[in-house]
């Protein structure tokens, strides 16, 4: 829709933090809001 942007989120793990400590909101630029993950299979999830 208007004012929406589709971006590819790429995260590199350099071993400094565990994946469990990474939040999607840490990678969203100021002024932007997370809307949806498409395709849904790519949605970040914590693996136990």
N, C-alpha and C. Protein backbone atom coordinates (compact mmCIF):
# COMPACT_ATOMS: atom_id res chain seq x y z
N UNK A 1 0.82 -1.20 0.00
CA UNK A 1 0.00 0.00 0.00
C UNK A 1 0.85 1.25 0.00
N UNK A 2 0.20 2.38 0.03
CA UNK A 2 0.92 3.65 0.02
C UNK A 2 1.78 3.78 1.27
N UNK A 3 3.02 4.21 1.07
CA UNK A 3 3.91 4.40 2.20
C UNK A 3 4.53 3.13 2.73
N UNK A 4 4.29 2.01 2.05
CA UNK A 4 4.88 0.75 2.49
C UNK A 4 6.06 0.39 1.60
N UNK A 5 7.06 -0.17 2.21
CA UNK A 5 8.25 -0.58 1.47
C UNK A 5 8.54 -2.05 1.78
N UNK A 6 8.95 -2.77 0.75
CA UNK A 6 9.34 -4.16 0.94
C UNK A 6 10.86 -4.21 0.97
N UNK A 7 11.41 -4.72 2.07
CA UNK A 7 12.86 -4.81 2.18
C UNK A 7 13.26 -6.24 2.48
N UNK A 8 14.47 -6.59 2.08
CA UNK A 8 15.02 -7.89 2.43
C UNK A 8 15.85 -7.73 3.68
N UNK A 9 15.52 -8.51 4.70
CA UNK A 9 16.25 -8.43 5.96
C UNK A 9 17.36 -9.47 5.95
N UNK A 10 18.60 -9.00 6.03
CA UNK A 10 19.74 -9.90 6.03
C UNK A 10 20.49 -9.72 7.35
N UNK A 11 20.69 -10.83 8.04
CA UNK A 11 21.38 -10.79 9.32
C UNK A 11 22.60 -11.69 9.26
N UNK A 12 23.73 -11.15 9.66
CA UNK A 12 24.96 -11.94 9.72
C UNK A 12 25.32 -12.18 11.18
N UNK A 13 25.51 -13.44 11.54
CA UNK A 13 25.90 -13.78 12.90
C UNK A 13 27.41 -13.89 12.95
N UNK A 14 28.04 -12.94 13.63
CA UNK A 14 29.50 -12.95 13.75
C UNK A 14 29.94 -13.61 15.06
N UNK A 15 29.00 -14.27 15.72
CA UNK A 15 29.34 -14.95 16.96
C UNK A 15 29.34 -14.05 18.17
N UNK A 16 28.97 -12.78 17.98
CA UNK A 16 29.00 -11.83 19.09
C UNK A 16 27.77 -11.97 19.99
N UNK A 17 26.67 -12.38 19.39
CA UNK A 17 25.45 -12.59 20.16
C UNK A 17 24.79 -13.87 19.67
N UNK A 18 24.01 -14.49 20.53
CA UNK A 18 23.28 -15.67 20.10
C UNK A 18 22.02 -15.24 19.40
N UNK A 19 21.52 -16.09 18.52
CA UNK A 19 20.31 -15.78 17.75
C UNK A 19 19.15 -15.50 18.69
N UNK A 20 19.13 -16.17 19.84
CA UNK A 20 18.03 -15.99 20.79
C UNK A 20 17.95 -14.56 21.31
N UNK A 21 19.07 -13.84 21.24
CA UNK A 21 19.08 -12.48 21.78
C UNK A 21 18.80 -11.42 20.72
N UNK A 22 18.57 -11.85 19.49
CA UNK A 22 18.32 -10.89 18.41
C UNK A 22 16.83 -10.66 18.25
N UNK A 23 16.44 -9.40 18.23
CA UNK A 23 15.02 -9.07 18.03
C UNK A 23 14.88 -8.40 16.66
N UNK A 24 13.78 -8.71 15.98
CA UNK A 24 13.55 -8.13 14.66
C UNK A 24 13.53 -6.61 14.75
N UNK A 25 13.00 -6.08 15.85
CA UNK A 25 12.90 -4.63 15.99
C UNK A 25 14.26 -3.96 16.02
N UNK A 26 15.32 -4.72 16.34
CA UNK A 26 16.66 -4.15 16.36
C UNK A 26 17.13 -3.77 14.96
N UNK A 27 16.47 -4.32 13.93
CA UNK A 27 16.95 -4.13 12.56
C UNK A 27 16.01 -3.25 11.74
N UNK A 28 14.98 -2.70 12.38
CA UNK A 28 14.03 -1.85 11.67
C UNK A 28 14.47 -0.39 11.83
N UNK A 29 14.67 0.31 10.71
CA UNK A 29 15.12 1.70 10.79
C UNK A 29 14.10 2.58 11.52
N UNK A 30 14.58 3.64 12.14
CA UNK A 30 13.70 4.58 12.82
C UNK A 30 12.65 5.10 11.86
N UNK A 31 11.41 5.18 12.31
CA UNK A 31 10.34 5.68 11.47
C UNK A 31 9.64 4.60 10.67
N UNK A 32 10.15 3.37 10.76
CA UNK A 32 9.52 2.26 10.06
C UNK A 32 8.89 1.31 11.07
N UNK A 33 7.89 0.59 10.61
CA UNK A 33 7.23 -0.39 11.47
C UNK A 33 7.20 -1.73 10.77
N UNK A 34 7.35 -2.79 11.56
CA UNK A 34 7.24 -4.14 11.00
C UNK A 34 5.78 -4.43 10.69
N UNK A 35 5.50 -4.93 9.48
CA UNK A 35 4.13 -5.20 9.09
C UNK A 35 3.89 -6.69 8.93
N UNK A 36 4.64 -7.33 8.05
CA UNK A 36 4.38 -8.73 7.75
C UNK A 36 5.63 -9.37 7.16
N UNK A 37 5.74 -10.67 7.34
CA UNK A 37 6.81 -11.43 6.70
C UNK A 37 6.20 -12.22 5.55
N UNK A 38 6.77 -12.06 4.36
CA UNK A 38 6.24 -12.74 3.19
C UNK A 38 7.40 -13.25 2.35
N UNK A 39 7.55 -14.55 2.15
CA UNK A 39 6.63 -15.60 2.60
C UNK A 39 6.74 -15.86 4.10
N UNK A 40 5.67 -16.37 4.68
CA UNK A 40 5.61 -16.59 6.12
C UNK A 40 6.69 -17.56 6.60
N UNK A 41 7.14 -18.46 5.73
CA UNK A 41 8.15 -19.44 6.13
C UNK A 41 9.46 -18.75 6.50
N UNK A 42 9.65 -17.53 6.00
CA UNK A 42 10.89 -16.82 6.26
C UNK A 42 10.85 -16.02 7.56
N UNK A 43 9.72 -16.07 8.26
CA UNK A 43 9.60 -15.28 9.48
C UNK A 43 10.62 -15.74 10.51
N UNK A 44 11.34 -14.78 11.12
CA UNK A 44 12.32 -15.16 12.15
C UNK A 44 11.63 -15.85 13.32
N UNK A 45 12.25 -16.89 13.82
CA UNK A 45 11.67 -17.61 14.94
C UNK A 45 12.80 -18.13 15.82
N UNK A 46 12.52 -18.25 17.08
CA UNK A 46 13.51 -18.77 18.01
C UNK A 46 13.47 -20.29 17.98
N UNK A 47 14.60 -20.88 17.68
CA UNK A 47 14.69 -22.33 17.67
C UNK A 47 15.16 -22.80 19.04
N UNK A 48 14.43 -23.71 19.64
CA UNK A 48 14.78 -24.20 20.98
C UNK A 48 15.61 -25.47 20.87
